């Protein structure tokens, strides 16, 4: 990172902090909907700290809120998180970290840190700074916002009395919708939704969501190379 000029360093840090603030603030929503789904404040905060990938977190609490089993929720979250493994292949070669730094980087390997790192792929020092600053800022702000949202959600009492249990699905849809761009993505989303709706009457809660995630993963694996680049809109 020492090879960066001061102006370039400041520009990368401003970009990383901007992404961190915008993404971290959304943690308030996760904290509120997680408590509405029946998790405690401690469980909610543990998810944000240890799982730390927004889409998988929303998927897990969404399945639990629908009455699904923890296994179905965890399986759905794992399937959604498989994209991070593909990010890791690219970012591992770009960043060139080893040992403890590589392990720490793996924990903040999310859509946003990957997108900022790749935006500076022509310079390894800039890519390292952008990736690390974005990942750490999102981690800190996401967890702080999660705590605030969980405490606020707990203060409201029974979420079903206010209709807030429906917010779990709405929040997950709002998180995923910006990623659905282009005919191929729309076709995969429509197919996944149709399969989930067809399975709802005949399968236990959680299974339709798991099947829909499977369709999305299959669609991503079959997509042409370069069509699945991260856009930095979801953790």
Foldseek 3Di string as FASTA:
>chain_A
DVPDDPVLLVVLLVVLLVLQVVLLLCLLLLLQLLVLLPDALVVLLCCCQQVVFFLLSLQLSLLSSQVHDNVLSNLLSVLVCVVLVVLLVVVCVQQVDDDPVSVVLSRLSYLQLSVSLVVPSVDNVSSVSNSVSNSVSNSVSNSVSSSVNNVVNVVVPNVVVVPCNVSSVVSSCVQCVVVQDDPLSVVLQVVLVVQLVVCVVPDDRSVSSSSSSVSVSVSVVPDPPPPPRRPSRTD
